[in-house]
PDB file of N, CA and C in Angstrom:
ATOM      1  N   MET A   1     114.092  83.239 117.543  1.00  0.00           N
ATOM      2  CA  MET A   1     113.506  81.795 117.167  1.00  0.00           C
ATOM      3  C   MET A   1     112.144  82.053 116.474  1.00  0.00           C
ATOM      4  N   THR A   2     111.748  81.073 115.816  1.00  0.00           N
ATOM      5  CA  THR A   2     110.590  81.138 114.975  1.00  0.00           C
ATOM      6  C   THR A   2     109.623  79.764 115.092  1.00  0.00           C
ATOM      7  N   THR A   3     108.416  80.057 115.174  1.00  0.00           N
ATOM      8  CA  THR A   3     107.565  78.934 115.386  1.00  0.00           C
ATOM      9  C   THR A   3     106.414  79.210 114.204  1.00  0.00           C
ATOM     10  N   VAL A   4     106.288  78.128 113.524  1.00  0.00           N
ATOM     11  CA  VAL A   4     105.267  78.207 112.261  1.00  0.00           C
ATOM     12  C   VAL A   4     104.362  76.995 112.254  1.00  0.00           C
ATOM     13  N   VAL A   5     103.136  77.226 111.618  1.00  0.00           N
ATOM     14  CA  VAL A   5     102.231  76.135 111.146  1.00  0.00           C
ATOM     15  C   VAL A   5     102.658  75.782 109.717  1.00  0.00           C
ATOM     16  N   THR A   6     102.744  74.601 109.391  1.00  0.00           N
ATOM     17  CA  THR A   6     103.129  74.174 107.956  1.00  0.00           C
ATOM     18  C   THR A   6     101.917  73.452 107.417  1.00  0.00           C
ATOM     19  N   ASP A   7     102.243  72.900 106.341  1.00  0.00           N
ATOM     20  CA  ASP A   7     101.223  72.259 105.403  1.00  0.00           C
ATOM     21  C   ASP A   7     100.590  71.094 105.901  1.00  0.00           C
ATOM     22  N   ASN A   8     101.050  70.413 107.100  1.00  0.00           N
ATOM     23  CA  ASN A   8     100.279  69.278 107.678  1.00  0.00           C
ATOM     24  C   ASN A   8      99.028  69.809 108.176  1.00  0.00           C
ATOM     25  N   CYS A   9      98.784  71.114 108.457  1.00  0.00           N
ATOM     26  CA  CYS A   9      97.669  71.689 109.016  1.00  0.00           C
ATOM     27  C   CYS A   9      96.542  71.760 107.971  1.00  0.00           C
ATOM     28  N   LYS A  10      96.911  71.733 106.681  1.00  0.00           N
ATOM     29  CA  LYS A  10      96.046  71.923 105.606  1.00  0.00           C
ATOM     30  C   LYS A  10      94.958  70.909 105.549  1.00  0.00           C
ATOM     31  N   ARG A  11      93.673  71.175 105.565  1.00  0.00           N
ATOM     32  CA  ARG A  11      92.437  70.241 105.395  1.00  0.00           C
ATOM     33  C   ARG A  11      92.270  69.383 106.607  1.00  0.00           C
ATOM     34  N   CYS A  12      92.940  69.950 107.742  1.00  0.00           N
ATOM     35  CA  CYS A  12      92.819  69.344 109.114  1.00  0.00           C
ATOM     36  C   CYS A  12      92.240  70.391 110.003  1.00  0.00           C
ATOM     37  N   ARG A  13      93.054  71.357 110.202  1.00  0.00           N
ATOM     38  CA  ARG A  13      92.754  72.534 111.256  1.00  0.00           C
ATOM     39  C   ARG A  13      92.336  71.875 112.579  1.00  0.00           C
ATOM     40  N   PHE A  14      93.167  71.072 113.246  1.00  0.00           N
ATOM     41  CA  PHE A  14      92.918  70.682 114.571  1.00  0.00           C
ATOM     42  C   PHE A  14      93.379  71.927 115.381  1.00  0.00           C
ATOM     43  N   THR A  15      92.573  72.247 116.245  1.00  0.00           N
ATOM     44  CA  THR A  15      92.830  73.552 117.032  1.00  0.00           C
ATOM     45  C   THR A  15      93.344  73.266 118.528  1.00  0.00           C
ATOM     46  N   ASP A  16      93.730  72.113 118.869  1.00  0.00           N
ATOM     47  CA  ASP A  16      94.321  71.655 120.180  1.00  0.00           C
ATOM     48  C   ASP A  16      95.300  72.647 120.634  1.00  0.00           C
ATOM     49  N   CYS A  17      96.211  73.063 119.700  1.00  0.00           N
ATOM     50  CA  CYS A  17      97.270  73.980 119.955  1.00  0.00           C
ATOM     51  C   CYS A  17      96.925  75.323 120.581  1.00  0.00           C
ATOM     52  N   VAL A  18      95.640  75.834 120.073  1.00  0.00           N
ATOM     53  CA  VAL A  18      95.416  77.149 120.518  1.00  0.00           C
ATOM     54  C   VAL A  18      95.026  77.289 121.995  1.00  0.00           C
ATOM     55  N   THR A  19      94.628  76.094 122.622  1.00  0.00           N
ATOM     56  CA  THR A  19      94.152  76.066 123.994  1.00  0.00           C
ATOM     57  C   THR A  19      95.391  76.414 124.884  1.00  0.00           C
ATOM     58  N   VAL A  20      96.584  76.194 124.631  1.00  0.00           N
ATOM     59  CA  VAL A  20      97.693  76.616 125.567  1.00  0.00           C
ATOM     60  C   VAL A  20      98.448  77.880 125.159  1.00  0.00           C
ATOM     61  N   CYS A  21      98.106  78.374 124.188  1.00  0.00           N
ATOM     62  CA  CYS A  21      98.854  79.504 123.730  1.00  0.00           C
ATOM     63  C   CYS A  21      98.474  80.753 124.669  1.00  0.00           C
ATOM     64  N   PRO A  22      99.722  81.322 125.299  1.00  0.00           N
ATOM     65  CA  PRO A  22      99.541  82.327 126.437  1.00  0.00           C
ATOM     66  C   PRO A  22      99.249  83.629 125.823  1.00  0.00           C
ATOM     67  N   VAL A  23      99.515  83.856 124.370  1.00  0.00           N
ATOM     68  CA  VAL A  23      99.386  85.034 123.788  1.00  0.00           C
ATOM     69  C   VAL A  23      98.337  85.259 122.597  1.00  0.00           C
ATOM     70  N   ALA A  24      97.766  84.199 122.365  1.00  0.00           N
ATOM     71  CA  ALA A  24      96.781  84.149 121.216  1.00  0.00           C
ATOM     72  C   ALA A  24      97.427  84.582 119.999  1.00  0.00           C
ATOM     73  N   CYS A  25      98.177  83.807 119.480  1.00  0.00           N
ATOM     74  CA  CYS A  25      99.018  84.126 118.283  1.00  0.00           C
ATOM     75  C   CYS A  25      98.383  83.322 116.981  1.00  0.00           C
ATOM     76  N   PHE A  26      97.504  82.405 117.282  1.00  0.00           N
ATOM     77  CA  PHE A  26      96.974  81.644 116.185  1.00  0.00           C
ATOM     78  C   PHE A  26      95.810  82.359 115.470  1.00  0.00           C
ATOM     79  N   HIS A  27      95.898  82.264 114.090  1.00  0.00           N
ATOM     80  CA  HIS A  27      94.787  82.833 113.212  1.00  0.00           C
ATOM     81  C   HIS A  27      94.374  81.748 112.435  1.00  0.00           C
ATOM     82  N   GLY A  28      93.253  81.785 111.701  1.00  0.00           N
ATOM     83  CA  GLY A  28      92.892  80.778 110.902  1.00  0.00           C
ATOM     84  C   GLY A  28      91.997  81.261 109.736  1.00  0.00           C
ATOM     85  N   ASP A  29      91.976  80.453 108.694  1.00  0.00           N
ATOM     86  CA  ASP A  29      91.075  80.641 107.520  1.00  0.00           C
ATOM     87  C   ASP A  29      90.256  79.312 107.333  1.00  0.00           C
ATOM     88  N   ASP A  30      89.722  79.143 106.244  1.00  0.00           N
ATOM     89  CA  ASP A  30      88.881  78.000 106.012  1.00  0.00           C
ATOM     90  C   ASP A  30      89.542  76.569 105.756  1.00  0.00           C
ATOM     91  N   GLU A  31      90.942  76.813 105.751  1.00  0.00           N
ATOM     92  CA  GLU A  31      91.768  75.555 105.441  1.00  0.00           C
ATOM     93  C   GLU A  31      92.733  75.159 106.519  1.00  0.00           C
ATOM     94  N   MET A  32      93.249  76.198 107.327  1.00  0.00           N
ATOM     95  CA  MET A  32      94.382  75.900 108.290  1.00  0.00           C
ATOM     96  C   MET A  32      94.655  77.029 109.312  1.00  0.00           C
ATOM     97  N   LEU A  33      95.394  76.902 110.176  1.00  0.00           N
ATOM     98  CA  LEU A  33      95.934  77.842 111.101  1.00  0.00           C
ATOM     99  C   LEU A  33      97.198  78.292 110.659  1.00  0.00           C
ATOM    100  N   TYR A  34      97.490  79.578 111.274  1.00  0.00           N
ATOM    101  CA  TYR A  34      98.871  80.204 111.020  1.00  0.00           C
ATOM    102  C   TYR A  34      99.170  80.916 112.254  1.00  0.00           C
ATOM    103  N   ILE A  35     100.530  81.292 112.562  1.00  0.00           N
ATOM    104  CA  ILE A  35     100.963  81.791 113.718  1.00  0.00           C
ATOM    105  C   ILE A  35     101.456  83.217 113.387  1.00  0.00           C
ATOM    106  N   ASP A  36     101.072  84.310 114.119  1.00  0.00           N
ATOM    107  CA  ASP A  36     101.704  85.552 113.919  1.00  0.00           C
ATOM    108  C   ASP A  36     102.918  85.671 114.650  1.00  0.00           C
ATOM    109  N   PRO A  37     104.118  85.814 113.860  1.00  0.00           N
ATOM    110  CA  PRO A  37     105.404  85.902 114.483  1.00  0.00           C
ATOM    111  C   PRO A  37     105.591  87.070 115.169  1.00  0.00           C
ATOM    112  N   GLU A  38     104.895  88.265 114.955  1.00  0.00           N
ATOM    113  CA  GLU A  38     104.923  89.395 115.935  1.00  0.00           C
ATOM    114  C   GLU A  38     104.325  89.234 117.220  1.00  0.00           C
ATOM    115  N   VAL A  39     103.447  88.253 117.479  1.00  0.00           N
ATOM    116  CA  VAL A  39     102.763  88.064 118.688  1.00  0.00           C
ATOM    117  C   VAL A  39     103.285  86.883 119.409  1.00  0.00           C
ATOM    118  N   CYS A  40     103.712  85.705 118.689  1.00  0.00           N
ATOM    119  CA  CYS A  40     104.190  84.569 119.323  1.00  0.00           C
ATOM    120  C   CYS A  40     105.496  84.709 120.060  1.00  0.00           C
ATOM    121  N   ILE A  41     105.517  84.161 121.250  1.00  0.00           N
ATOM    122  CA  ILE A  41     106.683  84.297 122.171  1.00  0.00           C
ATOM    123  C   ILE A  41     107.447  83.030 122.131  1.00  0.00           C
ATOM    124  N   ASP A  42     107.255  82.089 121.120  1.00  0.00           N
ATOM    125  CA  ASP A  42     108.011  80.952 120.989  1.00  0.00           C
ATOM    126  C   ASP A  42     108.257  80.047 122.195  1.00  0.00           C
ATOM    127  N   CYS A  43     107.219  80.060 122.846  1.00  0.00           N
ATOM    128  CA  CYS A  43     107.195  79.165 124.133  1.00  0.00           C
ATOM    129  C   CYS A  43     107.361  77.661 123.813  1.00  0.00           C
ATOM    130  N   GLY A  44     106.665  77.262 122.667  1.00  0.00           N
ATOM    131  CA  GLY A  44     106.634  75.788 122.228  1.00  0.00           C
ATOM    132  C   GLY A  44     105.550  75.059 122.982  1.00  0.00           C
ATOM    133  N   ALA A  45     104.718  75.570 123.675  1.00  0.00           N
ATOM    134  CA  ALA A  45     103.651  74.924 124.422  1.00  0.00           C
ATOM    135  C   ALA A  45     102.651  74.214 123.240  1.00  0.00           C
ATOM    136  N   CYS A  46     102.463  74.789 122.127  1.00  0.00           N
ATOM    137  CA  CYS A  46     101.660  74.251 121.268  1.00  0.00           C
ATOM    138  C   CYS A  46     102.095  73.132 120.351  1.00  0.00           C
ATOM    139  N   ILE A  47     103.480  72.910 120.313  1.00  0.00           N
ATOM    140  CA  ILE A  47     104.060  72.026 119.452  1.00  0.00           C
ATOM    141  C   ILE A  47     103.543  70.510 119.721  1.00  0.00           C
ATOM    142  N   PRO A  48     103.593  70.113 121.006  1.00  0.00           N
ATOM    143  CA  PRO A  48     103.315  68.616 121.269  1.00  0.00           C
ATOM    144  C   PRO A  48     101.798  68.315 121.250  1.00  0.00           C
ATOM    145  N   LEU A  49     100.944  69.420 121.128  1.00  0.00           N
ATOM    146  CA  LEU A  49      99.381  69.281 121.118  1.00  0.00           C
ATOM    147  C   LEU A  49      98.941  68.989 119.554  1.00  0.00           C
ATOM    148  N   CYS A  50      99.706  69.274 118.658  1.00  0.00           N
ATOM    149  CA  CYS A  50      99.256  68.894 117.295  1.00  0.00           C
ATOM    150  C   CYS A  50      99.438  67.788 116.824  1.00  0.00           C
ATOM    151  N   PRO A  51      98.201  67.077 116.578  1.00  0.00           N
ATOM    152  CA  PRO A  51      98.066  65.662 116.156  1.00  0.00           C
ATOM    153  C   PRO A  51      98.724  65.313 114.879  1.00  0.00           C
ATOM    154  N   VAL A  52      99.012  66.120 114.082  1.00  0.00           N
ATOM    155  CA  VAL A  52      99.637  65.973 112.794  1.00  0.00           C
ATOM    156  C   VAL A  52     101.153  66.590 112.672  1.00  0.00           C
ATOM    157  N   GLU A  53     101.535  67.035 113.771  1.00  0.00           N
ATOM    158  CA  GLU A  53     103.071  67.650 113.617  1.00  0.00           C
ATOM    159  C   GLU A  53     103.083  68.731 112.782  1.00  0.00           C
ATOM    160  N   ALA A  54     102.110  69.641 112.645  1.00  0.00           N
ATOM    161  CA  ALA A  54     102.069  70.721 111.691  1.00  0.00           C
ATOM    162  C   ALA A  54     102.907  71.979 112.328  1.00  0.00           C
ATOM    163  N   ILE A  55     103.333  71.969 113.463  1.00  0.00           N
ATOM    164  CA  ILE A  55     103.948  73.069 114.004  1.00  0.00           C
ATOM    165  C   ILE A  55     105.376  72.912 114.200  1.00  0.00           C
ATOM    166  N   CYS A  56     106.234  73.702 113.517  1.00  0.00           N
ATOM    167  CA  CYS A  56     107.665  73.642 113.696  1.00  0.00           C
ATOM    168  C   CYS A  56     108.396  74.821 114.236  1.00  0.00           C
ATOM    169  N   GLU A  57     109.487  74.586 115.063  1.00  0.00           N
ATOM    170  CA  GLU A  57     110.297  75.723 115.534  1.00  0.00           C
ATOM    171  C   GLU A  57     111.528  75.497 115.198  1.00  0.00           C
ATOM    172  N   ASP A  58     112.352  76.661 115.290  1.00  0.00           N
ATOM    173  CA  ASP A  58     113.901  76.596 114.870  1.00  0.00           C
ATOM    174  C   ASP A  58     114.684  75.490 115.475  1.00  0.00           C
ATOM    175  N   PRO A  59     115.357  74.870 114.671  1.00  0.00           N
ATOM    176  CA  PRO A  59     115.619  75.059 113.387  1.00  0.00           C
ATOM    177  C   PRO A  59     114.434  74.473 112.464  1.00  0.00           C
ATOM    178  N   ILE A  60     113.850  75.381 111.564  1.00  0.00           N
ATOM    179  CA  ILE A  60     112.795  74.924 110.581  1.00  0.00           C
ATOM    180  C   ILE A  60     113.533  74.059 109.561  1.00  0.00           C
ATOM    181  N   PRO A  61     113.096  72.926 109.281  1.00  0.00           N
ATOM    182  CA  PRO A  61     113.510  72.116 108.150  1.00  0.00           C
ATOM    183  C   PRO A  61     113.568  72.940 106.931  1.00  0.00           C
ATOM    184  N   GLU A  62     114.627  72.760 106.014  1.00  0.00           N
ATOM    185  CA  GLU A  62     114.659  73.555 104.764  1.00  0.00           C
ATOM    186  C   GLU A  62     113.460  73.407 103.899  1.00  0.00           C
ATOM    187  N   GLU A  63     112.757  72.129 104.003  1.00  0.00           N
ATOM    188  CA  GLU A  63     111.568  72.069 102.954  1.00  0.00           C
ATOM    189  C   GLU A  63     110.461  72.773 103.544  1.00  0.00           C
ATOM    190  N   LYS A  64     110.450  73.086 104.816  1.00  0.00           N
ATOM    191  CA  LYS A  64     109.399  73.923 105.479  1.00  0.00           C
ATOM    192  C   LYS A  64     109.628  75.354 105.660  1.00  0.00           C
ATOM    193  N   GLN A  65     110.772  75.916 105.284  1.00  0.00           N
ATOM    194  CA  GLN A  65     111.169  77.243 105.256  1.00  0.00           C
ATOM    195  C   GLN A  65     110.146  78.273 104.745  1.00  0.00           C
ATOM    196  N   ARG A  66     109.504  77.975 103.754  1.00  0.00           N
ATOM    197  CA  ARG A  66     108.583  78.807 102.982  1.00  0.00           C
ATOM    198  C   ARG A  66     107.363  79.217 103.874  1.00  0.00           C
ATOM    199  N   TRP A  67     107.146  78.339 104.924  1.00  0.00           N
ATOM    200  CA  TRP A  67     106.104  78.522 105.773  1.00  0.00           C
ATOM    201  C   TRP A  67     106.185  79.681 106.793  1.00  0.00           C
ATOM    202  N   ILE A  68     107.389  80.276 106.878  1.00  0.00           N
ATOM    203  CA  ILE A  68     107.765  81.347 107.826  1.00  0.00           C
ATOM    204  C   ILE A  68     107.060  82.546 107.168  1.00  0.00           C
ATOM    205  N   GLU A  69     107.426  82.731 105.944  1.00  0.00           N
ATOM    206  CA  GLU A  69     106.741  83.989 105.167  1.00  0.00           C
ATOM    207  C   GLU A  69     105.281  83.859 104.961  1.00  0.00           C
ATOM    208  N   ILE A  70     104.823  82.684 104.763  1.00  0.00           N
ATOM    209  CA  ILE A  70     103.451  82.326 104.602  1.00  0.00           C
ATOM    210  C   ILE A  70     102.754  82.654 105.885  1.00  0.00           C
ATOM    211  N   ASN A  71     103.205  82.220 106.990  1.00  0.00           N
ATOM    212  CA  ASN A  71     102.567  82.564 108.373  1.00  0.00           C
ATOM    213  C   ASN A  71     102.610  84.087 108.714  1.00  0.00           C
ATOM    214  N   ALA A  72     103.709  84.727 108.426  1.00  0.00           N
ATOM    215  CA  ALA A  72     103.777  86.104 108.632  1.00  0.00           C
ATOM    216  C   ALA A  72     102.874  86.937 107.710  1.00  0.00           C
ATOM    217  N   GLU A  73     102.831  86.418 106.489  1.00  0.00           N
ATOM    218  CA  GLU A  73     101.774  87.311 105.645  1.00  0.00           C
ATOM    219  C   GLU A  73     100.375  87.144 105.842  1.00  0.00           C
ATOM    220  N   ARG A  74     100.049  85.889 106.187  1.00  0.00           N
ATOM    221  CA  ARG A  74      98.520  85.616 106.395  1.00  0.00           C
ATOM    222  C   ARG A  74      97.938  85.803 107.896  1.00  0.00           C
ATOM    223  N   ALA A  75      98.686  85.380 108.714  1.00  0.00           N
ATOM    224  CA  ALA A  75      98.194  85.420 110.214  1.00  0.00           C
ATOM    225  C   ALA A  75      97.553  86.931 110.479  1.00  0.00           C
ATOM    226  N   PRO A  76      98.191  88.041 110.373  1.00  0.00           N
ATOM    227  CA  PRO A  76      97.724  89.276 110.607  1.00  0.00           C
ATOM    228  C   PRO A  76      96.369  89.651 110.046  1.00  0.00           C
ATOM    229  N   ARG A  77      96.167  89.056 108.937  1.00  0.00           N
ATOM    230  CA  ARG A  77      94.879  89.392 108.204  1.00  0.00           C
ATOM    231  C   ARG A  77      93.733  88.408 108.377  1.00  0.00           C
ATOM    232  N   LEU A  78      93.859  87.535 109.318  1.00  0.00           N
ATOM    233  CA  LEU A  78      92.938  86.668 109.565  1.00  0.00           C
ATOM    234  C   LEU A  78      92.352  86.683 111.027  1.00  0.00           C
ATOM    235  N   PRO A  79      91.298  86.167 111.373  1.00  0.00           N
ATOM    236  CA  PRO A  79      90.691  86.261 112.801  1.00  0.00           C
ATOM    237  C   PRO A  79      91.542  85.314 113.797  1.00  0.00           C
ATOM    238  N   VAL A  80      91.763  85.826 114.956  1.00  0.00           N
ATOM    239  CA  VAL A  80      92.405  85.158 115.979  1.00  0.00           C
ATOM    240  C   VAL A  80      91.516  83.931 116.525  1.00  0.00           C
ATOM    241  N   ILE A  81      92.130  82.818 116.551  1.00  0.00           N
ATOM    242  CA  ILE A  81      91.517  81.601 116.936  1.00  0.00           C
ATOM    243  C   ILE A  81      92.006  81.250 118.467  1.00  0.00           C
ATOM    244  N   ARG A  82      91.081  81.526 119.534  1.00  0.00           N
ATOM    245  CA  ARG A  82      91.422  81.277 120.845  1.00  0.00           C
ATOM    246  C   ARG A  82      91.044  80.005 121.515  1.00  0.00           C
ATOM    247  N   LYS A  83      89.859  79.617 120.918  1.00  0.00           N
ATOM    248  CA  LYS A  83      89.270  78.360 121.593  1.00  0.00           C
ATOM    249  C   LYS A  83      89.229  77.076 120.682  1.00  0.00           C
ATOM    250  N   LYS A  84      89.233  76.068 121.207  1.00  0.00           N
ATOM    251  CA  LYS A  84      89.265  74.687 120.374  1.00  0.00           C
ATOM    252  C   LYS A  84      87.999  74.725 119.580  1.00  0.00           C
ATOM    253  N   GLN A  85      88.141  74.278 118.418  1.00  0.00           N
ATOM    254  CA  GLN A  85      87.063  74.141 117.437  1.00  0.00           C
ATOM    255  C   GLN A  85      87.054  72.907 116.929  1.00  0.00           C
ATOM    256  N   ASP A  86      85.903  72.422 116.282  1.00  0.00           N
ATOM    257  CA  ASP A  86      85.828  71.076 115.657  1.00  0.00           C
ATOM    258  C   ASP A  86      86.901  71.193 114.357  1.00  0.00           C
ATOM    259  N   PRO A  87      87.578  70.225 114.277  1.00  0.00           N
ATOM    260  CA  PRO A  87      88.441  69.973 112.997  1.00  0.00           C
ATOM    261  C   PRO A  87      87.478  70.076 111.674  1.00  0.00           C
ATOM    262  N   LEU A  88      88.296  70.219 110.638  1.00  0.00           N
ATOM    263  CA  LEU A  88      87.412  70.487 109.361  1.00  0.00           C
ATOM    264  C   LEU A  88      86.946  68.906 109.011  1.00  0.00           C
ATOM    265  N   PRO A  89      85.787  68.858 108.183  1.00  0.00           N
ATOM    266  CA  PRO A  89      85.468  67.606 107.813  1.00  0.00           C
ATOM    267  C   PRO A  89      86.511  66.865 107.017  1.00  0.00           C
ATOM    268  N   GLY A  90      86.717  65.614 107.264  1.00  0.00           N
ATOM    269  CA  GLY A  90      87.800  64.777 106.696  1.00  0.00           C
ATOM    270  C   GLY A  90      88.894  64.948 107.371  1.00  0.00           C
ATOM    271  N   ALA A  91      89.029  65.696 108.465  1.00  0.00           N
ATOM    272  CA  ALA A  91      90.474  65.685 109.116  1.00  0.00           C
ATOM    273  C   ALA A  91      91.020  64.557 109.661  1.00  0.00           C
ATOM    274  N   GLU A  92      90.291  63.493 110.127  1.00  0.00           N
ATOM    275  CA  GLU A  92      90.675  62.408 110.648  1.00  0.00           C
ATOM    276  C   GLU A  92      91.286  61.473 109.421  1.00  0.00           C
ATOM    277  N   GLU A  93      90.595  61.532 108.305  1.00  0.00           N
ATOM    278  CA  GLU A  93      91.169  60.861 107.103  1.00  0.00           C
ATOM    279  C   GLU A  93      92.537  61.482 106.672  1.00  0.00           C
ATOM    280  N   ARG A  94      92.589  62.671 106.690  1.00  0.00           N
ATOM    281  CA  ARG A  94      93.783  63.592 106.235  1.00  0.00           C
ATOM    282  C   ARG A  94      94.842  63.176 107.235  1.00  0.00           C
ATOM    283  N   LYS A  95      94.490  63.059 108.563  1.00  0.00           N
ATOM    284  CA  LYS A  95      95.630  62.597 109.546  1.00  0.00           C
ATOM    285  C   LYS A  95      96.179  61.343 109.174  1.00  0.00           C
ATOM    286  N   LYS A  96      95.251  60.412 108.850  1.00  0.00           N
ATOM    287  CA  LYS A  96      95.668  59.001 108.533  1.00  0.00           C
ATOM    288  C   LYS A  96      96.793  58.983 107.243  1.00  0.00           C
ATOM    289  N   GLN A  97      96.227  59.896 106.320  1.00  0.00           N
ATOM    290  CA  GLN A  97      97.031  59.954 105.142  1.00  0.00           C
ATOM    291  C   GLN A  97      98.478  60.503 105.303  1.00  0.00           C
ATOM    292  N   LEU A  98      98.469  61.426 106.511  1.00  0.00           N
ATOM    293  CA  LEU A  98      99.801  61.878 106.843  1.00  0.00           C
ATOM    294  C   LEU A  98     100.613  60.992 107.508  1.00  0.00           C
ATOM    295  N   GLY A  99      99.997  59.802 108.101  1.00  0.00           N
ATOM    296  CA  GLY A  99     100.840  58.856 108.706  1.00  0.00           C
ATOM    297  C   GLY A  99     100.589  58.789 110.171  1.00  0.00           C
ATOM    298  N   PHE A 100      99.592  59.628 110.767  1.00  0.00           N
ATOM    299  CA  PHE A 100      99.284  59.732 112.128  1.00  0.00           C
ATOM    300  C   PHE A 100      98.066  58.931 112.413  1.00  0.00           C
ATOM    301  N   GLU A 101      98.134  58.153 113.435  1.00  0.00           N
ATOM    302  CA  GLU A 101      96.872  57.442 113.845  1.00  0.00           C
ATOM    303  C   GLU A 101      96.224  58.132 115.074  1.00  0.00           C
TER     304      GLU A 101
END
């Protein structure tokens, strides 16, 4: 199984998801979060907490498949995010643009 963060996280970086991760598999840069597939246990606890539905699990929709490689490549090189942080400036506006209220 695979769980990945996708492009909906870009320019939002809501971190509600990290608060329930039992293995600290989330990593982040200045734009978004990523999941380290070597650490993630695919429990799915994070998925319902994302307010912009940026986290996908198997089966990953075809249009989001490229995020499997992106997460695997970027996550191990970035700091682990274990605690909830403030979302990025403009995150609420981006959330609305994505169709979430």
